[in-house]
Protein backbone atom coordinates (compact mmCIF):
# COMPACT_ATOMS: atom_id res chain seq x y z
CA MET A 1 0.00 0.00 0.00
CA MET A 2 1.25 3.47 -0.94
CA GLN A 3 2.22 5.83 1.85
CA PRO A 4 0.57 9.28 1.63
CA LEU A 5 2.96 12.18 1.10
CA PHE A 6 0.78 14.68 2.97
CA GLN A 7 -1.57 14.50 5.95
CA ASP A 8 -3.93 17.06 4.45
CA ARG A 9 -3.91 20.17 2.26
CA PHE A 10 -2.52 22.38 5.03
CA ASP A 11 0.41 20.01 5.54
CA ALA A 12 0.92 19.98 1.76
CA GLY A 13 0.91 23.79 1.72
CA ARG A 14 3.59 24.03 4.39
CA LYS A 15 5.82 21.57 2.52
CA LEU A 16 5.24 23.39 -0.77
CA ALA A 17 6.06 26.74 0.85
CA SER A 18 9.55 25.46 1.72
CA LYS A 19 10.22 25.19 -2.04
CA LEU A 20 9.19 28.80 -2.64
CA GLU A 21 11.45 30.66 -0.21
CA ASP A 22 12.93 32.74 -3.06
CA TYR A 23 9.62 34.64 -3.15
CA HIS A 24 9.48 35.43 0.58
CA ALA A 25 8.52 39.02 1.42
CA ARG A 26 9.05 40.17 -2.16
CA PRO A 27 7.04 43.16 -3.33
CA ASN A 28 4.35 42.56 -5.96
CA VAL A 29 3.94 38.84 -5.22
CA VAL A 30 0.36 37.54 -5.20
CA VAL A 31 -0.62 33.97 -4.36
CA LEU A 32 -3.71 32.85 -6.28
CA ALA A 33 -5.49 29.67 -5.23
CA LEU A 34 -7.60 27.52 -7.52
CA PRO A 35 -10.76 26.86 -5.47
CA ARG A 36 -11.71 24.89 -3.75
CA GLY A 37 -8.96 22.39 -3.01
CA GLY A 38 -6.15 24.81 -3.73
CA VAL A 39 -7.23 27.31 -1.07
CA PRO A 40 -5.93 25.52 2.07
CA VAL A 41 -2.65 24.81 0.27
CA ALA A 42 -2.30 28.42 -0.90
CA PHE A 43 -3.24 29.76 2.55
CA GLU A 44 -0.13 28.13 4.02
CA VAL A 45 2.02 29.28 1.09
CA ALA A 46 0.86 32.91 1.34
CA ASN A 47 1.31 32.92 5.12
CA SER A 48 4.85 31.55 4.83
CA LEU A 49 5.81 34.00 2.08
CA ASN A 50 4.11 36.99 3.73
CA ALA A 51 2.19 37.51 0.49
CA ALA A 52 -1.36 38.45 -0.38
CA LEU A 53 -3.79 35.56 -0.99
CA ASP A 54 -6.64 35.61 -3.46
CA ILE A 55 -8.45 33.19 -5.75
CA PHE A 56 -8.53 32.56 -9.48
CA LEU A 57 -11.62 30.69 -10.52
CA VAL A 58 -11.39 27.81 -12.96
CA ARG A 59 -13.95 25.15 -13.84
CA LYS A 60 -13.17 21.86 -15.51
CA LEU A 61 -15.29 20.94 -18.53
CA GLY A 62 -16.08 17.28 -17.98
CA VAL A 63 -17.00 14.96 -20.85
CA PRO A 64 -20.76 14.29 -20.55
CA GLY A 65 -21.24 10.87 -18.99
CA HIS A 66 -17.56 10.76 -18.00
CA GLU A 67 -17.30 14.00 -16.00
CA GLU A 68 -14.00 13.03 -14.39
CA LEU A 69 -12.37 13.26 -17.84
CA ALA A 70 -11.56 16.87 -18.75
CA MET A 71 -12.21 18.00 -22.30
CA GLY A 72 -11.08 21.49 -21.29
CA ALA A 73 -11.59 24.24 -18.73
CA ILE A 74 -12.84 27.79 -18.38
CA ALA A 75 -11.37 30.54 -16.20
CA SER A 76 -12.22 34.03 -14.94
CA GLY A 77 -12.20 36.58 -17.72
CA GLY A 78 -13.88 34.42 -20.35
CA VAL A 79 -10.91 32.11 -20.94
CA LEU A 80 -11.60 28.73 -22.59
CA VAL A 81 -8.87 26.11 -22.96
CA LEU A 82 -9.63 22.82 -24.72
CA ASN A 83 -7.92 19.46 -24.31
CA GLU A 84 -7.66 18.91 -28.06
CA ALA A 85 -6.51 15.31 -27.69
CA VAL A 86 -9.66 14.36 -25.77
CA VAL A 87 -11.97 16.42 -28.00
CA GLU A 88 -10.58 14.85 -31.18
CA ALA A 89 -10.35 11.29 -29.84
CA LEU A 90 -13.99 11.33 -28.68
CA GLU A 91 -15.20 13.49 -31.59
CA ILE A 92 -16.96 15.88 -29.22
CA PRO A 93 -19.00 18.45 -31.18
CA ARG A 94 -18.64 22.16 -30.46
CA SER A 95 -22.31 22.36 -29.43
CA VAL A 96 -21.63 19.95 -26.54
CA ILE A 97 -18.55 21.92 -25.46
CA ASP A 98 -20.52 25.17 -25.53
CA ALA A 99 -23.39 23.69 -23.50
CA VAL A 100 -21.06 22.38 -20.78
CA ALA A 101 -19.08 25.65 -20.77
CA LYS A 102 -22.30 27.67 -20.32
CA ARG A 103 -23.32 25.56 -17.34
CA GLU A 104 -19.90 25.78 -15.73
CA GLN A 105 -19.78 29.54 -16.35
CA GLN A 106 -22.86 29.88 -14.16
CA GLU A 107 -21.14 27.98 -11.35
CA LEU A 108 -17.98 30.05 -11.81
CA ALA A 109 -20.02 33.25 -11.46
CA ARG A 110 -21.75 31.88 -8.34
CA ARG A 111 -18.43 31.08 -6.69
CA GLU A 112 -16.95 34.45 -7.64
CA GLN A 113 -19.78 36.16 -5.78
CA ALA A 114 -19.81 33.71 -2.86
CA TYR A 115 -16.07 33.72 -2.18
CA ARG A 116 -15.19 37.39 -2.67
CA ALA A 117 -17.71 38.76 -0.16
CA GLY A 118 -17.48 42.14 -1.86
CA ARG A 119 -13.69 42.19 -2.14
CA PRO A 120 -12.48 43.50 -5.51
CA VAL A 121 -10.79 41.32 -8.08
CA PRO A 122 -7.00 41.79 -7.67
CA ASP A 123 -5.07 43.83 -10.21
CA LEU A 124 -2.47 41.43 -11.61
CA ARG A 125 -0.66 43.86 -13.91
CA ASP A 126 3.10 43.74 -13.39
CA LYS A 127 2.71 41.26 -10.51
CA THR A 128 4.52 37.99 -9.86
CA VAL A 129 1.61 35.55 -9.62
CA ILE A 130 2.02 32.19 -7.89
CA LEU A 131 -0.83 29.89 -8.97
CA VAL A 132 -1.49 27.14 -6.41
CA ASP A 133 -3.63 24.00 -6.52
CA ASP A 134 -3.61 20.79 -4.48
CA GLY A 135 -2.10 18.86 -7.39
CA LEU A 136 -1.82 18.45 -11.16
CA ALA A 137 -3.19 15.45 -13.01
CA THR A 138 -3.94 16.39 -16.64
CA GLY A 139 -3.28 20.07 -15.96
CA SER A 140 -6.33 21.32 -17.91
CA THR A 141 -7.65 23.60 -15.17
CA MET A 142 -4.21 25.01 -14.40
CA ALA A 143 -3.60 25.67 -18.11
CA ALA A 144 -6.81 27.72 -18.19
CA ALA A 145 -5.69 29.63 -15.10
CA VAL A 146 -2.30 30.39 -16.67
CA SER A 147 -4.01 31.73 -19.80
CA GLY A 148 -6.34 33.87 -17.73
CA VAL A 149 -3.58 35.33 -15.56
CA ARG A 150 -1.40 36.04 -18.59
CA ALA A 151 -4.30 37.88 -20.26
CA GLN A 152 -4.51 40.14 -17.21
CA GLY A 153 -0.94 41.33 -17.60
CA ALA A 154 1.00 39.42 -14.94
CA ALA A 155 4.75 40.07 -15.19
CA LYS A 156 5.74 36.57 -14.06
CA ILE A 157 3.72 33.37 -13.64
CA VAL A 158 4.77 30.61 -11.26
CA VAL A 159 2.78 27.37 -10.96
CA ALA A 160 3.23 25.64 -7.59
CA VAL A 161 1.62 22.36 -6.47
CA PRO A 162 2.41 19.77 -3.79
CA THR A 163 2.16 16.84 -6.17
CA ALA A 164 1.84 16.24 -9.91
CA ALA A 165 2.09 13.66 -12.63
CA PRO A 166 5.73 13.91 -13.79
CA GLU A 167 4.81 14.41 -17.45
CA THR A 168 2.30 17.15 -16.58
CA CYS A 169 4.86 18.97 -14.45
CA ASP A 170 7.38 18.79 -17.29
CA ALA A 171 4.84 20.05 -19.84
CA PHE A 172 4.29 23.30 -17.93
CA GLU A 173 7.96 24.30 -18.17
CA GLU A 174 7.44 25.83 -21.60
CA TYR A 175 4.27 27.73 -20.63
CA VAL A 176 5.25 29.50 -17.39
CA ASP A 177 8.23 31.31 -15.89
CA ALA A 178 8.66 28.65 -13.20
CA ILE A 179 6.96 25.39 -12.23
CA ILE A 180 7.34 23.96 -8.73
CA CYS A 181 6.06 20.42 -8.15
CA ALA A 182 7.12 19.38 -4.66
CA GLU A 183 6.56 15.67 -5.34
CA THR A 184 6.20 13.84 -8.67
CA PRO A 185 5.54 10.19 -7.77
CA GLN A 186 5.63 7.54 -10.49
CA PRO A 187 3.20 5.95 -11.16
CA PHE A 188 0.99 8.90 -10.26
CA PHE A 189 -2.56 7.39 -10.18
CA GLY A 190 -4.24 10.64 -9.06
CA VAL A 191 -3.89 13.67 -6.78
CA GLY A 192 -6.00 12.29 -3.94
CA MET A 193 -3.88 9.14 -3.67
CA TRP A 194 -1.09 11.13 -2.02
CA TYR A 195 -3.15 12.66 0.79
CA ALA A 196 -4.15 10.87 3.99
CA ASN A 197 -7.12 13.26 4.22
CA PHE A 198 -8.51 14.46 0.88
CA GLU A 199 -12.00 15.47 1.94
CA GLN A 200 -13.63 18.10 -0.24
CA THR A 201 -13.04 21.69 0.83
CA SER A 202 -16.35 23.47 1.43
CA ASP A 203 -17.46 26.93 0.31
CA LYS A 204 -17.59 27.91 3.99
CA GLU A 205 -13.96 26.88 4.51
CA VAL A 206 -12.88 28.83 1.41
CA ARG A 207 -14.58 32.01 2.66
CA ALA A 208 -13.13 31.60 6.15
CA LEU A 209 -9.57 31.08 4.91
CA LEU A 210 -9.73 34.04 2.51
CA ALA A 211 -11.07 36.29 5.29
CA ARG A 212 -8.41 35.08 7.71
CA ALA A 213 -5.64 35.62 5.15
CA ALA A 214 -6.89 39.16 4.44
CA THR A 215 -6.87 40.00 8.15
CA MET A 216 -3.34 38.60 8.57
CA GLN A 217 -2.08 40.53 5.54
CA GLU A 218 -3.59 43.80 6.80
CA ALA A 219 -1.94 43.27 10.20
CA ALA A 220 1.42 42.56 8.55
CA GLN A 221 1.14 45.72 6.43
CA ARG A 222 0.29 47.83 9.50
CA GLU A 223 3.24 46.38 11.37
CA GLY A 224 5.55 47.13 8.44
CA ALA A 225 4.27 50.70 8.19
CA GLU A 226 4.77 51.23 11.93
CA ARG A 227 8.37 49.96 11.68
CA GLU A 228 9.09 52.37 8.84
CA THR A 229 7.63 55.28 10.81
CA ALA A 230 9.65 54.35 13.91
CA GLY A 231 12.80 54.02 11.82
């Protein structure tokens, strides 16, 4: 039986953060989590790096009848990324893709409203953006996130995950400025296989973690301003 690499997503986030020390306390660094599973991981990363935490919403487009298989993904800002290999192999018509994308767009809009609680969408122009999820299998949702963040003018894009399929991790090297996969077990099997606890993260937990991170970041900024004034 395989031994899990992480106790839970928080444990995974702390271990991932140790691989990202080069970004600690740097100006213009933003950690963006892919909800929902990426939020606990990214919370630990942002806390360790003393960086702002926010979310970047992505929805997988599952093949009808085989929803676990991604034929693509959509992301905030109207981004659509297709898994051409799956679409061509299964001969999925555009009408089916559009219907699934429309349904997922409604869920994406619901989550945007539910999670932000009135907070504005972050300005990513000229920022170093660290995109965090709980793992990479096919990479479809992360690819959509990368496209969306790039379209918003990020200066540098870093993808960081606790675990990934080795070939998926390698594939991202040509698309982003840096890719950090803390563990790349072979054979991979799936993201959840490497967590002792992989229970679904709830909307309530996402909201609570984002609120807590915002409070911590505000306190850190006040403390920094007070030090500057005293100095």
